[in-house]
Amino acid sequence: MAQSATIYKVELSVSDMGRHYYETHKLTVAKHPSETDERLMVRLVAFALNAHEHLEMTKGLSTDNEPDIWQKSLTGEIDVWVALGLPSEKVMRQSSSKAAKVIIYPYGGRFAEAWWDKVRNGTTRFENLQIINLPEADTAALAQLANRAMKLQVNIQDGDVMVSVDEKVVYITPDLWKDAA
């Protein structure tokens, strides 16, 4: 019998000083049986970094042809495609043709660095692709915050991210590996 997803109720308050975006999102997030706490928390941080009234979580790991998060226009076009992990060059090419902007958040330390060394040259042709690495120590600390009912506060200022749950705080310094043209 297949294992079912674990449901997380998240109240995500985002304060993004650079974009002047201050909003609270009430999210019900399904954690796939194969998904780690680290990946779940990276997904929530990626949501916060791109927060918008039309941004939404997708079926994620359950489907191959959808990103983890997307923002669609009112006419159904994909404005922003957000993926986590270490996608192949083929997946990056397909994503770049489907969306106006593609953002990939690799994580995993040495694995992410090895992936980047392998795909870096092939990404130059994708002008709408942005790659932002999340350091391994930061994402490992994020995993410790995971809870089935969370009130998550994310403050973003000058490229730095502060994530807090209750009295616990994790600081993240995203590393821009590739910027969209």
Protein backbone atom coordinates (compact mmCIF):
# COMPACT_ATOMS: atom_id res chain seq x y z
CA MET A 1 0.00 0.00 0.00
CA ALA A 2 1.36 3.40 -0.96
CA GLN A 3 2.20 5.85 1.76
CA SER A 4 0.18 9.05 1.69
CA ALA A 5 1.41 12.61 1.97
CA THR A 6 1.75 14.30 5.35
CA ILE A 7 -0.18 17.55 5.62
CA TYR A 8 1.49 20.65 7.08
CA LYS A 9 -0.47 23.77 8.02
CA VAL A 10 1.75 26.81 7.59
CA GLU A 11 1.14 30.45 8.35
CA LEU A 12 3.91 32.12 6.37
CA SER A 13 4.50 35.81 7.08
CA VAL A 14 6.80 37.42 4.52
CA SER A 15 8.53 40.77 4.97
CA ASP A 16 10.60 41.48 1.86
CA MET A 17 12.12 44.93 2.28
CA GLY A 18 13.63 44.99 -1.23
CA ARG A 19 10.34 44.32 -3.00
CA HIS A 20 8.18 46.09 -0.39
CA TYR A 21 6.11 42.95 -0.04
CA TYR A 22 4.51 42.34 3.36
CA GLU A 23 1.90 39.62 3.46
CA THR A 24 0.81 36.53 5.36
CA HIS A 25 0.00 33.38 3.43
CA LYS A 26 -1.98 30.52 4.96
CA LEU A 27 -0.73 27.40 3.23
CA THR A 28 -1.70 23.76 3.40
CA VAL A 29 1.36 21.89 2.20
CA ALA A 30 1.44 18.21 1.32
CA LYS A 31 4.80 16.63 2.10
CA HIS A 32 5.38 13.75 -0.30
CA PRO A 33 6.46 10.50 1.44
CA SER A 34 9.90 10.74 -0.23
CA GLU A 35 10.35 14.42 0.66
CA THR A 36 12.69 15.34 3.52
CA ASP A 37 12.08 18.05 6.12
CA GLU A 38 14.98 19.94 4.53
CA ARG A 39 13.32 19.94 1.09
CA LEU A 40 9.96 20.95 2.58
CA MET A 41 11.55 23.93 4.34
CA VAL A 42 13.52 24.89 1.21
CA ARG A 43 10.20 24.87 -0.65
CA LEU A 44 8.70 27.25 1.92
CA VAL A 45 11.72 29.58 1.74
CA ALA A 46 11.56 29.55 -2.08
CA PHE A 47 7.87 30.46 -1.79
CA ALA A 48 8.75 33.36 0.53
CA LEU A 49 11.54 34.61 -1.76
CA ASN A 50 9.09 34.78 -4.67
CA ALA A 51 5.92 35.58 -2.74
CA HIS A 52 3.13 37.09 -4.79
CA GLU A 53 -0.65 36.98 -4.58
CA HIS A 54 -0.78 34.55 -7.54
CA LEU A 55 2.11 32.31 -6.44
CA GLU A 56 1.06 28.78 -5.54
CA MET A 57 2.45 25.39 -4.62
CA THR A 58 1.94 22.68 -7.25
CA LYS A 59 1.72 18.92 -6.92
CA GLY A 60 5.54 19.01 -6.94
CA LEU A 61 7.15 15.59 -6.61
CA SER A 62 3.88 13.91 -7.63
CA THR A 63 4.14 15.17 -11.22
CA ASP A 64 6.99 15.36 -13.70
CA ASN A 65 5.75 18.25 -15.83
CA GLU A 66 5.17 20.83 -13.06
CA PRO A 67 7.59 22.83 -10.96
CA ASP A 68 7.44 22.91 -7.17
CA ILE A 69 5.94 26.41 -7.21
CA TRP A 70 4.54 28.56 -9.97
CA GLN A 71 2.91 31.86 -10.65
CA LYS A 72 0.45 32.01 -13.50
CA SER A 73 -1.01 35.03 -15.24
CA LEU A 74 -4.74 35.60 -15.32
CA THR A 75 -4.77 34.07 -18.81
CA GLY A 76 -3.01 30.89 -17.66
CA GLU A 77 0.53 31.49 -18.93
CA ILE A 78 3.30 30.58 -16.49
CA ASP A 79 5.03 33.77 -15.38
CA VAL A 80 7.38 32.20 -12.82
CA TRP A 81 8.53 28.57 -12.60
CA VAL A 82 10.32 27.68 -9.34
CA ALA A 83 12.12 24.34 -9.06
CA LEU A 84 14.19 22.86 -6.24
CA GLY A 85 17.16 20.55 -6.38
CA LEU A 86 19.44 19.58 -9.23
CA PRO A 87 17.48 19.32 -12.50
CA SER A 88 19.01 18.03 -15.72
CA GLU A 89 19.86 20.36 -18.57
CA LYS A 90 16.89 18.87 -20.47
CA VAL A 91 14.50 19.83 -17.65
CA MET A 92 15.97 23.35 -17.52
CA ARG A 93 15.50 23.69 -21.29
CA GLN A 94 11.88 22.52 -21.11
CA SER A 95 11.12 24.79 -18.14
CA SER A 96 12.69 27.78 -19.86
CA SER A 97 10.44 27.27 -22.87
CA LYS A 98 7.29 27.03 -20.73
CA ALA A 99 7.72 30.06 -18.46
CA ALA A 100 8.67 33.72 -18.67
CA LYS A 101 11.10 33.29 -15.74
CA VAL A 102 12.62 30.12 -14.27
CA ILE A 103 14.27 30.06 -10.84
CA ILE A 104 16.12 27.00 -9.57
CA TYR A 105 17.15 26.62 -5.94
CA PRO A 106 19.84 23.95 -5.73
CA TYR A 107 20.87 22.78 -2.27
CA GLY A 108 22.96 19.94 -0.90
CA GLY A 109 26.48 21.31 -0.56
CA ARG A 110 29.06 19.35 -2.57
CA PHE A 111 26.35 17.63 -4.63
CA ALA A 112 24.97 21.01 -5.71
CA GLU A 113 28.46 22.30 -6.50
CA ALA A 114 29.25 19.20 -8.60
CA TRP A 115 25.92 19.60 -10.42
CA TRP A 116 26.69 23.27 -11.11
CA ASP A 117 30.15 22.43 -12.47
CA LYS A 118 28.49 19.94 -14.84
CA VAL A 119 25.63 22.14 -16.14
CA ARG A 120 27.04 25.68 -15.85
CA ASN A 121 28.15 26.07 -19.48
CA GLY A 122 24.86 24.71 -20.81
CA THR A 123 22.80 27.24 -18.86
CA THR A 124 24.20 30.34 -20.58
CA ARG A 125 21.71 30.02 -23.45
CA PHE A 126 18.70 30.29 -21.12
CA GLU A 127 18.23 34.03 -20.66
CA ASN A 128 15.17 33.62 -18.42
CA LEU A 129 16.94 31.23 -16.02
CA GLN A 130 18.12 32.23 -12.55
CA ILE A 131 19.97 29.84 -10.24
CA ILE A 132 20.27 30.61 -6.52
CA ASN A 133 22.17 28.14 -4.33
CA LEU A 134 21.15 27.66 -0.72
CA PRO A 135 24.14 26.67 1.46
CA GLU A 136 24.04 23.20 3.01
CA ALA A 137 24.54 24.36 6.60
CA ASP A 138 21.63 26.81 6.22
CA THR A 139 19.21 24.25 4.76
CA ALA A 140 20.19 21.65 7.36
CA ALA A 141 19.36 24.20 10.08
CA LEU A 142 16.04 24.93 8.34
CA ALA A 143 15.09 21.24 8.53
CA GLN A 144 15.21 21.49 12.33
CA LEU A 145 12.37 24.06 12.23
CA ALA A 146 9.91 21.74 10.45
CA ASN A 147 6.67 21.17 12.31
CA ARG A 148 3.23 20.04 11.14
CA ALA A 149 1.70 23.33 12.34
CA MET A 150 4.07 26.25 11.80
CA LYS A 151 3.95 30.00 12.11
CA LEU A 152 6.90 30.91 9.96
CA GLN A 153 8.25 34.47 9.76
CA VAL A 154 10.58 35.20 6.82
CA ASN A 155 12.39 38.54 6.65
CA ILE A 156 14.32 39.33 3.47
CA GLN A 157 16.69 42.28 3.28
CA ASP A 158 19.72 43.00 1.11
CA GLY A 159 19.85 39.41 -0.14
CA ASP A 160 19.89 37.88 3.34
CA VAL A 161 17.03 35.79 4.69
CA MET A 162 16.01 35.33 8.31
CA VAL A 163 13.58 32.49 9.02
CA SER A 164 12.02 32.16 12.45
CA VAL A 165 9.62 29.77 14.11
CA ASP A 166 8.82 30.65 17.71
CA GLU A 167 12.19 31.56 19.30
CA LYS A 168 14.26 29.56 16.80
CA VAL A 169 15.98 31.58 14.07
CA VAL A 170 17.92 30.46 10.99
CA TYR A 171 19.89 32.87 8.79
CA ILE A 172 20.31 32.04 5.12
CA THR A 173 22.66 33.72 2.68
CA PRO A 174 21.55 32.67 -0.82
CA ASP A 175 24.35 32.55 -3.39
CA LEU A 176 23.42 33.77 -6.89
CA TRP A 177 25.08 31.38 -9.34
CA LYS A 178 23.29 32.63 -12.46
CA ASP A 179 21.12 35.67 -12.98
CA ALA A 180 18.43 35.98 -15.63
CA ALA A 181 19.35 38.35 -18.45
